Amino acid sequence: MFTTAASDEVRLELRRTRCPVIDFFDLHMGSVESILQTRGVRLPARLHGLWREPDARTRILLASLA
């Protein structure tokens, strides 16, 4: 599975599954933190308003059924 979960607890739980996990958050966060010389907040964030747009919700639901 592909994930961008910011929560350390969620990512650790996902790694306990038998499913292969590609963790984009973990892959890139170290580089970002190194450049900024600070640790990230690591809290879940909004999806940039994606779910507030009815058309986007419909597209995502239809894509999951395809």
Protein backbone atom coordinates (compact mmCIF):
# COMPACT_ATOMS: atom_id res chain seq x y z
CA MET A 1 0.00 0.00 0.00
CA PHE A 2 1.07 3.60 -0.53
CA THR A 3 0.76 5.87 2.48
CA THR A 4 1.50 9.43 3.49
CA ALA A 5 0.32 9.07 7.09
CA ALA A 6 2.01 11.67 9.29
CA SER A 7 1.29 9.95 12.60
CA ASP A 8 4.16 7.77 13.82
CA GLU A 9 1.66 5.47 15.58
CA VAL A 10 -0.35 4.93 12.39
CA ARG A 11 2.75 4.23 10.29
CA LEU A 12 4.08 1.75 12.87
CA GLU A 13 0.75 -0.07 12.91
CA LEU A 14 0.67 -0.23 9.10
CA ARG A 15 4.16 -1.80 9.10
CA ARG A 16 2.87 -4.59 11.33
CA THR A 17 0.54 -5.79 8.55
CA ARG A 18 1.51 -8.41 5.99
CA CYS A 19 0.86 -5.91 3.20
CA PRO A 20 3.92 -4.29 1.59
CA VAL A 21 3.98 -0.63 2.64
CA ILE A 22 5.56 2.22 0.67
CA ASP A 23 5.69 5.09 3.12
CA PHE A 24 6.11 8.35 1.20
CA PHE A 25 6.01 10.42 4.38
CA ASP A 26 8.91 8.53 5.95
CA LEU A 27 10.85 8.45 2.67
CA HIS A 28 10.87 12.23 2.30
CA MET A 29 10.49 13.65 5.80
CA GLY A 30 14.10 12.99 6.81
CA SER A 31 15.37 15.06 3.88
CA VAL A 32 12.96 17.90 4.61
CA GLU A 33 13.87 17.90 8.31
CA SER A 34 17.57 17.89 7.45
CA ILE A 35 17.26 20.85 5.10
CA LEU A 36 15.14 22.84 7.57
CA GLN A 37 17.24 21.63 10.53
CA THR A 38 14.16 20.95 12.62
CA ARG A 39 11.86 18.01 13.34
CA GLY A 40 8.46 18.01 11.69
CA VAL A 41 5.26 18.18 13.71
CA ARG A 42 4.05 14.76 12.50
CA LEU A 43 0.36 15.43 12.99
CA PRO A 44 -2.40 14.47 10.55
CA ALA A 45 -3.34 17.36 8.29
CA ARG A 46 -6.22 18.23 6.02
CA LEU A 47 -6.34 17.02 2.43
CA HIS A 48 -6.25 20.58 1.11
CA GLY A 49 -10.05 20.75 1.00
CA LEU A 50 -10.32 17.76 -1.33
CA TRP A 51 -13.26 16.18 0.49
CA ARG A 52 -15.16 19.45 0.61
CA GLU A 53 -15.53 19.46 -3.15
CA PRO A 54 -18.49 17.21 -4.15
CA ASP A 55 -17.07 16.53 -7.64
CA ALA A 56 -13.73 15.38 -6.23
CA ARG A 57 -15.50 13.02 -3.84
CA THR A 58 -17.49 11.54 -6.71
CA ARG A 59 -14.36 11.09 -8.88
CA ILE A 60 -12.52 9.32 -6.08
CA LEU A 61 -15.43 7.01 -5.32
CA LEU A 62 -15.90 6.16 -9.01
CA ALA A 63 -12.17 5.50 -9.44
CA SER A 64 -12.21 3.10 -6.50
CA LEU A 65 -15.01 1.12 -8.18
CA ALA A 66 -13.28 0.94 -11.58
